Amino acid sequence: MHVLADVMTKDVLAVEGDARLTRAAARMVARTVGAVVILEHDRLVGILTERDIMKAVASERANESRVDEWMTRHPEVVGPDDSTDHAAALMIHGGFRHLPVVEGNRVVGIVSIRDLVRVAIADTSPRGA
């Protein structure tokens, strides 16, 4: 069994809710990530994903929008000691592709469906992946 601390991304991209949506999108592109966490006073208040940005673009309001207009507030979270199976189940049942990893009140990482697939492939591959 794998725990999320072993597979999560620890260098989490974070922005504030009042940031411009286009700025957050540009930072996501520069870092090649599919999600950014939204912090207020170092506390998690939301998550903004590629899907959220696509909705904003489709509304033709992306250029004048703020992150907090499109983010998902109070996202599901997992802990660093939670299993990869637990995270996968949450993603499947909730339709998520990213989950913030929180310890206490602090974001310590983020786990994506890609991270979980990578572990699953390594576990089933004769040579690992």
C-alpha atoms as a PDB file:
ATOM      1  CA  MET A   1       0.000   0.000   0.000  1.00  0.00           C
ATOM      2  CA  HIS A   2       1.254   3.472  -0.870  1.00  0.00           C
ATOM      3  CA  VAL A   3       0.608   6.653   1.087  1.00  0.00           C
ATOM      4  CA  LEU A   4       0.105  10.045  -0.480  1.00  0.00           C
ATOM      5  CA  ALA A   5       3.231  11.522   1.120  1.00  0.00           C
ATOM      6  CA  ASP A   6       5.216   9.245  -1.200  1.00  0.00           C
ATOM      7  CA  VAL A   7       3.479  10.273  -4.441  1.00  0.00           C
ATOM      8  CA  MET A   8       2.146  13.812  -3.967  1.00  0.00           C
ATOM      9  CA  THR A   9       3.639  16.959  -5.432  1.00  0.00           C
ATOM     10  CA  LYS A  10       5.076  18.948  -2.540  1.00  0.00           C
ATOM     11  CA  ASP A  11       5.786  22.175  -4.412  1.00  0.00           C
ATOM     12  CA  VAL A  12       2.164  23.304  -4.646  1.00  0.00           C
ATOM     13  CA  LEU A  13       1.201  26.249  -6.822  1.00  0.00           C
ATOM     14  CA  ALA A  14      -0.972  28.620  -4.778  1.00  0.00           C
ATOM     15  CA  VAL A  15      -2.688  31.929  -5.493  1.00  0.00           C
ATOM     16  CA  GLU A  16      -5.075  34.225  -3.657  1.00  0.00           C
ATOM     17  CA  GLY A  17      -8.746  34.382  -4.530  1.00  0.00           C
ATOM     18  CA  ASP A  18      -8.590  37.962  -5.746  1.00  0.00           C
ATOM     19  CA  ALA A  19      -5.937  37.117  -8.363  1.00  0.00           C
ATOM     20  CA  ARG A  20      -6.881  37.543 -12.016  1.00  0.00           C
ATOM     21  CA  LEU A  21      -8.018  34.297 -13.600  1.00  0.00           C
ATOM     22  CA  THR A  22      -5.746  34.870 -16.592  1.00  0.00           C
ATOM     23  CA  ARG A  23      -2.737  35.278 -14.268  1.00  0.00           C
ATOM     24  CA  ALA A  24      -3.524  32.015 -12.479  1.00  0.00           C
ATOM     25  CA  ALA A  25      -3.924  30.255 -15.840  1.00  0.00           C
ATOM     26  CA  ALA A  26      -0.578  31.612 -17.047  1.00  0.00           C
ATOM     27  CA  ARG A  27       1.136  30.366 -13.888  1.00  0.00           C
ATOM     28  CA  MET A  28      -0.453  26.929 -14.346  1.00  0.00           C
ATOM     29  CA  VAL A  29       0.829  26.782 -17.925  1.00  0.00           C
ATOM     30  CA  ALA A  30       4.322  27.870 -16.860  1.00  0.00           C
ATOM     31  CA  ARG A  31       4.443  25.158 -14.192  1.00  0.00           C
ATOM     32  CA  THR A  32       2.639  22.554 -16.363  1.00  0.00           C
ATOM     33  CA  VAL A  33       0.084  21.784 -13.667  1.00  0.00           C
ATOM     34  CA  GLY A  34      -3.642  21.229 -13.932  1.00  0.00           C
ATOM     35  CA  ALA A  35      -4.692  22.824 -10.649  1.00  0.00           C
ATOM     36  CA  VAL A  36      -3.807  25.602  -8.250  1.00  0.00           C
ATOM     37  CA  VAL A  37      -4.846  25.882  -4.614  1.00  0.00           C
ATOM     38  CA  ILE A  38      -6.405  29.080  -3.325  1.00  0.00           C
ATOM     39  CA  LEU A  39      -5.140  30.317   0.022  1.00  0.00           C
ATOM     40  CA  GLU A  40      -6.314  33.079   2.339  1.00  0.00           C
ATOM     41  CA  HIS A  41      -3.962  33.758   5.247  1.00  0.00           C
ATOM     42  CA  ASP A  42      -2.222  30.447   4.453  1.00  0.00           C
ATOM     43  CA  ARG A  43      -5.490  28.496   4.789  1.00  0.00           C
ATOM     44  CA  LEU A  44      -7.047  26.507   1.966  1.00  0.00           C
ATOM     45  CA  VAL A  45     -10.265  28.082   0.708  1.00  0.00           C
ATOM     46  CA  GLY A  46     -10.537  26.563  -2.759  1.00  0.00           C
ATOM     47  CA  ILE A  47      -9.042  24.907  -5.802  1.00  0.00           C
ATOM     48  CA  LEU A  48      -8.993  26.125  -9.397  1.00  0.00           C
ATOM     49  CA  THR A  49      -8.612  23.521 -12.132  1.00  0.00           C
ATOM     50  CA  GLU A  50      -8.318  23.404 -15.892  1.00  0.00           C
ATOM     51  CA  ARG A  51     -12.033  22.593 -16.031  1.00  0.00           C
ATOM     52  CA  ASP A  52     -12.891  25.754 -14.102  1.00  0.00           C
ATOM     53  CA  ILE A  53     -10.816  27.823 -16.516  1.00  0.00           C
ATOM     54  CA  MET A  54     -12.545  26.200 -19.511  1.00  0.00           C
ATOM     55  CA  LYS A  55     -15.930  27.171 -18.024  1.00  0.00           C
ATOM     56  CA  ALA A  56     -14.747  30.765 -17.658  1.00  0.00           C
ATOM     57  CA  VAL A  57     -13.448  30.846 -21.231  1.00  0.00           C
ATOM     58  CA  ALA A  58     -16.728  29.404 -22.514  1.00  0.00           C
ATOM     59  CA  SER A  59     -18.612  32.163 -20.682  1.00  0.00           C
ATOM     60  CA  GLU A  60     -16.449  34.745 -22.489  1.00  0.00           C
ATOM     61  CA  ARG A  61     -15.694  36.375 -19.107  1.00  0.00           C
ATOM     62  CA  ALA A  62     -12.248  34.918 -18.445  1.00  0.00           C
ATOM     63  CA  ASN A  63     -10.329  38.129 -19.161  1.00  0.00           C
ATOM     64  CA  GLU A  64     -12.120  40.166 -16.510  1.00  0.00           C
ATOM     65  CA  SER A  65     -12.689  37.405 -13.943  1.00  0.00           C
ATOM     66  CA  ARG A  66     -11.065  36.749 -10.603  1.00  0.00           C
ATOM     67  CA  VAL A  67     -10.048  33.308  -9.384  1.00  0.00           C
ATOM     68  CA  ASP A  68     -12.628  33.290  -6.582  1.00  0.00           C
ATOM     69  CA  GLU A  69     -15.438  33.612  -9.136  1.00  0.00           C
ATOM     70  CA  TRP A  70     -14.573  30.225 -10.682  1.00  0.00           C
ATOM     71  CA  MET A  71     -12.794  28.188  -8.020  1.00  0.00           C
ATOM     72  CA  THR A  72     -14.344  25.273  -6.175  1.00  0.00           C
ATOM     73  CA  ARG A  73     -14.782  26.360  -2.576  1.00  0.00           C
ATOM     74  CA  HIS A  74     -14.072  23.997   0.317  1.00  0.00           C
ATOM     75  CA  PRO A  75     -12.657  21.178  -1.811  1.00  0.00           C
ATOM     76  CA  GLU A  76     -12.343  17.599  -0.622  1.00  0.00           C
ATOM     77  CA  VAL A  77      -8.944  17.080   0.958  1.00  0.00           C
ATOM     78  CA  VAL A  78      -6.762  14.150   1.931  1.00  0.00           C
ATOM     79  CA  GLY A  79      -3.927  13.725   4.400  1.00  0.00           C
ATOM     80  CA  PRO A  80      -0.326  12.735   3.680  1.00  0.00           C
ATOM     81  CA  ASP A  81      -0.812   9.418   5.505  1.00  0.00           C
ATOM     82  CA  ASP A  82      -3.946   8.503   3.525  1.00  0.00           C
ATOM     83  CA  SER A  83      -3.583   5.670   1.044  1.00  0.00           C
ATOM     84  CA  THR A  84      -3.467   6.118  -2.699  1.00  0.00           C
ATOM     85  CA  ASP A  85      -6.507   3.805  -2.840  1.00  0.00           C
ATOM     86  CA  HIS A  86      -8.454   6.218  -0.623  1.00  0.00           C
ATOM     87  CA  ALA A  87      -7.537   9.182  -2.834  1.00  0.00           C
ATOM     88  CA  ALA A  88      -8.481   7.235  -5.967  1.00  0.00           C
ATOM     89  CA  ALA A  89     -11.871   6.347  -4.483  1.00  0.00           C
ATOM     90  CA  LEU A  90     -12.537  10.010  -3.609  1.00  0.00           C
ATOM     91  CA  MET A  91     -11.577  11.071  -7.128  1.00  0.00           C
ATOM     92  CA  ILE A  92     -13.776   8.453  -8.758  1.00  0.00           C
ATOM     93  CA  HIS A  93     -16.827   9.142  -6.592  1.00  0.00           C
ATOM     94  CA  GLY A  94     -16.442  12.924  -6.666  1.00  0.00           C
ATOM     95  CA  GLY A  95     -15.343  13.330 -10.270  1.00  0.00           C
ATOM     96  CA  PHE A  96     -12.105  15.043  -9.218  1.00  0.00           C
ATOM     97  CA  ARG A  97      -8.692  14.893 -10.862  1.00  0.00           C
ATOM     98  CA  HIS A  98      -6.794  16.762  -8.126  1.00  0.00           C
ATOM     99  CA  LEU A  99      -6.950  16.705  -4.330  1.00  0.00           C
ATOM    100  CA  PRO A 100      -5.119  19.038  -1.952  1.00  0.00           C
ATOM    101  CA  VAL A 101      -3.113  17.200   0.698  1.00  0.00           C
ATOM    102  CA  VAL A 102      -3.567  18.889   4.069  1.00  0.00           C
ATOM    103  CA  GLU A 103      -1.878  18.322   7.411  1.00  0.00           C
ATOM    104  CA  GLY A 104      -3.510  20.219  10.232  1.00  0.00           C
ATOM    105  CA  ASN A 105      -4.597  23.458   8.564  1.00  0.00           C
ATOM    106  CA  ARG A 106      -1.663  23.602   6.154  1.00  0.00           C
ATOM    107  CA  VAL A 107      -1.509  22.499   2.521  1.00  0.00           C
ATOM    108  CA  VAL A 108       1.513  20.197   2.252  1.00  0.00           C
ATOM    109  CA  GLY A 109       0.951  18.852  -1.244  1.00  0.00           C
ATOM    110  CA  ILE A 110      -1.414  18.027  -4.059  1.00  0.00           C
ATOM    111  CA  VAL A 111      -2.140  14.676  -5.644  1.00  0.00           C
ATOM    112  CA  SER A 112      -3.413  14.215  -9.184  1.00  0.00           C
ATOM    113  CA  ILE A 113      -4.973  11.315 -11.011  1.00  0.00           C
ATOM    114  CA  ARG A 114      -1.716  11.150 -12.984  1.00  0.00           C
ATOM    115  CA  ASP A 115       0.219  10.542  -9.749  1.00  0.00           C
ATOM    116  CA  LEU A 116      -2.103   7.675  -8.856  1.00  0.00           C
ATOM    117  CA  VAL A 117      -1.952   6.118 -12.322  1.00  0.00           C
ATOM    118  CA  ARG A 118       1.850   6.280 -12.220  1.00  0.00           C
ATOM    119  CA  VAL A 119       1.858   4.290  -8.947  1.00  0.00           C
ATOM    120  CA  ALA A 120      -0.659   1.763 -10.268  1.00  0.00           C
ATOM    121  CA  ILE A 121       1.394   1.177 -13.416  1.00  0.00           C
ATOM    122  CA  ALA A 122       4.597   0.790 -11.415  1.00  0.00           C
ATOM    123  CA  ASP A 123       2.874  -1.766  -9.176  1.00  0.00           C
ATOM    124  CA  THR A 124       1.600  -3.857 -12.088  1.00  0.00           C
ATOM    125  CA  SER A 125       4.559  -3.556 -14.423  1.00  0.00           C
ATOM    126  CA  PRO A 126       7.136  -6.358 -14.229  1.00  0.00           C
ATOM    127  CA  ARG A 127       9.967  -3.775 -14.296  1.00  0.00           C
ATOM    128  CA  GLY A 128       8.124  -0.836 -12.730  1.00  0.00           C
ATOM    129  CA  ALA A 129       7.451   2.422 -14.517  1.00  0.00           C
END
